[in-house]
Amino acid sequence: MSRLGNISGKEAVRIFGKIGYFIERQSASHIILQSPGKPVLVIPDHKELAPNLLRSQIKLANLTEDEFLELKRK
């Protein structure tokens, strides 16, 4: 299993919130996150996110996988 496996959409939103992202709105099952001066992130509100999708959002947020996983542990 990938190191990014088993992370839900709500958990990803919580983790991105630790670096200043906030929920701008929700459109159907997609949560739109914003942070001043940073790219907009779109996180599906699913029980488990696909690792490649999560990787792309982590990269957009200018984080590494290790930094993201460290934020998850805190």
N, C-alpha and C. Protein backbone atom coordinates (compact mmCIF):
# COMPACT_ATOMS: atom_id res chain seq x y z
N MET A 1 0.84 -1.19 0.00
CA MET A 1 0.00 0.00 0.00
C MET A 1 0.88 1.25 0.00
N SER A 2 0.41 2.25 -0.68
CA SER A 2 1.12 3.52 -0.75
C SER A 2 1.16 4.19 0.62
N ARG A 3 2.15 5.03 0.80
CA ARG A 3 2.23 5.77 2.06
C ARG A 3 1.05 6.74 2.19
N LEU A 4 0.46 7.11 1.06
CA LEU A 4 -0.67 8.04 1.08
C LEU A 4 -2.02 7.34 1.07
N GLY A 5 -2.02 6.04 1.18
CA GLY A 5 -3.27 5.30 1.17
C GLY A 5 -4.08 5.55 2.43
N ASN A 6 -5.38 5.32 2.33
CA ASN A 6 -6.27 5.38 3.48
C ASN A 6 -6.44 6.78 4.09
N ILE A 7 -6.36 7.82 3.28
CA ILE A 7 -6.61 9.17 3.76
C ILE A 7 -7.92 9.63 3.15
N SER A 8 -8.85 10.04 3.99
CA SER A 8 -10.16 10.49 3.50
C SER A 8 -10.08 11.95 3.05
N GLY A 9 -11.11 12.37 2.35
CA GLY A 9 -11.18 13.76 1.91
C GLY A 9 -11.23 14.71 3.08
N LYS A 10 -12.02 14.38 4.09
CA LYS A 10 -12.14 15.24 5.28
C LYS A 10 -10.82 15.34 6.04
N GLU A 11 -10.08 14.23 6.09
CA GLU A 11 -8.79 14.25 6.77
C GLU A 11 -7.79 15.11 5.99
N ALA A 12 -7.81 15.01 4.66
CA ALA A 12 -6.93 15.82 3.83
C ALA A 12 -7.24 17.31 4.03
N VAL A 13 -8.53 17.66 4.10
CA VAL A 13 -8.92 19.05 4.33
C VAL A 13 -8.38 19.52 5.68
N ARG A 14 -8.47 18.69 6.69
CA ARG A 14 -7.96 19.04 8.02
C ARG A 14 -6.45 19.27 7.98
N ILE A 15 -5.74 18.41 7.26
CA ILE A 15 -4.28 18.53 7.17
C ILE A 15 -3.89 19.80 6.41
N PHE A 16 -4.55 20.08 5.28
CA PHE A 16 -4.25 21.30 4.53
C PHE A 16 -4.61 22.54 5.35
N GLY A 17 -5.59 22.42 6.23
CA GLY A 17 -5.95 23.53 7.10
C GLY A 17 -4.80 23.94 8.03
N LYS A 18 -3.93 23.01 8.33
CA LYS A 18 -2.79 23.29 9.23
C LYS A 18 -1.77 24.22 8.57
N ILE A 19 -1.82 24.35 7.23
CA ILE A 19 -0.89 25.26 6.56
C ILE A 19 -1.62 26.49 6.00
N GLY A 20 -2.81 26.75 6.51
CA GLY A 20 -3.50 27.99 6.17
C GLY A 20 -4.64 27.89 5.18
N TYR A 21 -4.93 26.69 4.67
CA TYR A 21 -6.06 26.54 3.76
C TYR A 21 -7.36 26.51 4.54
N PHE A 22 -8.41 27.05 3.93
CA PHE A 22 -9.73 27.03 4.54
C PHE A 22 -10.75 26.65 3.47
N ILE A 23 -11.90 26.16 3.92
CA ILE A 23 -12.96 25.75 2.99
C ILE A 23 -13.63 27.00 2.44
N GLU A 24 -13.52 27.19 1.15
CA GLU A 24 -14.18 28.31 0.48
C GLU A 24 -15.64 27.95 0.20
N ARG A 25 -15.82 26.74 -0.32
CA ARG A 25 -17.18 26.26 -0.60
C ARG A 25 -17.12 24.77 -0.89
N GLN A 26 -18.29 24.17 -1.01
CA GLN A 26 -18.37 22.78 -1.41
C GLN A 26 -19.32 22.69 -2.58
N SER A 27 -18.88 22.05 -3.64
CA SER A 27 -19.69 21.87 -4.83
C SER A 27 -19.90 20.37 -5.02
N ALA A 28 -21.11 19.92 -4.75
CA ALA A 28 -21.44 18.49 -4.78
C ALA A 28 -20.51 17.76 -3.82
N SER A 29 -19.71 16.82 -4.32
CA SER A 29 -18.84 16.07 -3.42
C SER A 29 -17.40 16.57 -3.46
N HIS A 30 -17.18 17.81 -3.91
CA HIS A 30 -15.83 18.36 -3.97
C HIS A 30 -15.73 19.58 -3.05
N ILE A 31 -14.70 19.56 -2.22
CA ILE A 31 -14.45 20.65 -1.27
C ILE A 31 -13.38 21.55 -1.88
N ILE A 32 -13.69 22.84 -1.99
CA ILE A 32 -12.79 23.81 -2.59
C ILE A 32 -12.06 24.53 -1.45
N LEU A 33 -10.73 24.43 -1.44
CA LEU A 33 -9.91 25.06 -0.41
C LEU A 33 -9.15 26.24 -0.99
N GLN A 34 -9.05 27.31 -0.22
CA GLN A 34 -8.28 28.48 -0.63
C GLN A 34 -7.37 28.91 0.50
N SER A 35 -6.32 29.61 0.10
CA SER A 35 -5.41 30.25 1.04
C SER A 35 -4.81 31.44 0.31
N PRO A 36 -4.73 32.59 0.96
CA PRO A 36 -4.20 33.77 0.27
C PRO A 36 -2.81 33.52 -0.31
N GLY A 37 -2.67 33.82 -1.59
CA GLY A 37 -1.38 33.69 -2.25
C GLY A 37 -1.00 32.28 -2.65
N LYS A 38 -1.90 31.33 -2.48
CA LYS A 38 -1.62 29.94 -2.83
C LYS A 38 -2.65 29.45 -3.84
N PRO A 39 -2.32 28.40 -4.60
CA PRO A 39 -3.29 27.86 -5.55
C PRO A 39 -4.51 27.25 -4.85
N VAL A 40 -5.62 27.25 -5.56
CA VAL A 40 -6.86 26.64 -5.07
C VAL A 40 -6.71 25.12 -5.14
N LEU A 41 -7.16 24.43 -4.09
CA LEU A 41 -7.13 22.97 -4.06
C LEU A 41 -8.57 22.46 -4.12
N VAL A 42 -8.76 21.36 -4.84
CA VAL A 42 -10.06 20.71 -4.94
C VAL A 42 -9.91 19.30 -4.39
N ILE A 43 -10.61 19.03 -3.28
CA ILE A 43 -10.50 17.75 -2.61
C ILE A 43 -11.85 17.03 -2.67
N PRO A 44 -11.90 15.84 -3.26
CA PRO A 44 -13.15 15.09 -3.25
C PRO A 44 -13.51 14.65 -1.83
N ASP A 45 -14.77 14.72 -1.48
CA ASP A 45 -15.23 14.31 -0.16
C ASP A 45 -15.55 12.81 -0.21
N HIS A 46 -14.49 12.01 -0.31
CA HIS A 46 -14.61 10.56 -0.40
C HIS A 46 -14.03 9.91 0.84
N LYS A 47 -14.41 8.65 1.07
CA LYS A 47 -13.88 7.92 2.23
C LYS A 47 -12.39 7.67 2.10
N GLU A 48 -11.91 7.49 0.87
CA GLU A 48 -10.48 7.29 0.63
C GLU A 48 -10.12 7.97 -0.67
N LEU A 49 -9.06 8.78 -0.64
CA LEU A 49 -8.61 9.48 -1.84
C LEU A 49 -7.61 8.63 -2.61
N ALA A 50 -7.65 8.74 -3.91
CA ALA A 50 -6.66 8.06 -4.75
C ALA A 50 -5.29 8.70 -4.48
N PRO A 51 -4.26 7.89 -4.26
CA PRO A 51 -2.94 8.44 -3.95
C PRO A 51 -2.42 9.43 -4.99
N ASN A 52 -2.66 9.18 -6.28
CA ASN A 52 -2.16 10.10 -7.30
C ASN A 52 -2.87 11.45 -7.24
N LEU A 53 -4.16 11.44 -6.97
CA LEU A 53 -4.89 12.70 -6.83
C LEU A 53 -4.36 13.48 -5.62
N LEU A 54 -4.16 12.78 -4.52
CA LEU A 54 -3.65 13.44 -3.32
C LEU A 54 -2.25 13.99 -3.55
N ARG A 55 -1.41 13.22 -4.25
CA ARG A 55 -0.06 13.69 -4.58
C ARG A 55 -0.11 15.00 -5.37
N SER A 56 -1.03 15.09 -6.32
CA SER A 56 -1.11 16.31 -7.14
C SER A 56 -1.52 17.51 -6.29
N GLN A 57 -2.43 17.32 -5.35
CA GLN A 57 -2.85 18.41 -4.48
C GLN A 57 -1.75 18.81 -3.50
N ILE A 58 -1.00 17.83 -3.03
CA ILE A 58 0.15 18.11 -2.14
C ILE A 58 1.18 18.95 -2.89
N LYS A 59 1.44 18.59 -4.14
CA LYS A 59 2.40 19.33 -4.97
C LYS A 59 1.91 20.76 -5.21
N LEU A 60 0.61 20.92 -5.50
CA LEU A 60 0.05 22.26 -5.69
C LEU A 60 0.20 23.13 -4.44
N ALA A 61 0.09 22.50 -3.28
CA ALA A 61 0.22 23.22 -2.01
C ALA A 61 1.68 23.50 -1.66
N ASN A 62 2.58 23.10 -2.56
CA ASN A 62 4.02 23.31 -2.38
C ASN A 62 4.57 22.57 -1.16
N LEU A 63 4.09 21.34 -0.97
CA LEU A 63 4.56 20.46 0.09
C LEU A 63 5.18 19.21 -0.53
N THR A 64 5.99 18.52 0.25
CA THR A 64 6.44 17.19 -0.14
C THR A 64 5.54 16.17 0.55
N GLU A 65 5.57 14.94 0.07
CA GLU A 65 4.78 13.89 0.73
C GLU A 65 5.18 13.76 2.20
N ASP A 66 6.48 13.82 2.46
CA ASP A 66 6.95 13.69 3.85
C ASP A 66 6.43 14.82 4.74
N GLU A 67 6.41 16.05 4.21
CA GLU A 67 5.89 17.16 4.99
C GLU A 67 4.39 16.98 5.27
N PHE A 68 3.66 16.51 4.25
CA PHE A 68 2.23 16.26 4.41
C PHE A 68 1.98 15.20 5.48
N LEU A 69 2.74 14.09 5.41
CA LEU A 69 2.57 13.02 6.37
C LEU A 69 2.96 13.45 7.79
N GLU A 70 3.94 14.35 7.89
CA GLU A 70 4.34 14.88 9.20
C GLU A 70 3.20 15.73 9.77
N LEU A 71 2.56 16.53 8.93
CA LEU A 71 1.40 17.32 9.37
C LEU A 71 0.26 16.41 9.83
N LYS A 72 0.12 15.27 9.16
CA LYS A 72 -0.93 14.32 9.53
C LYS A 72 -0.69 13.78 10.94
N ARG A 73 0.57 13.55 11.29
CA ARG A 73 0.90 13.00 12.60
C ARG A 73 0.68 13.99 13.73
N LYS A 74 0.73 15.30 13.42
CA LYS A 74 0.59 16.32 14.47
C LYS A 74 -0.84 16.51 14.88
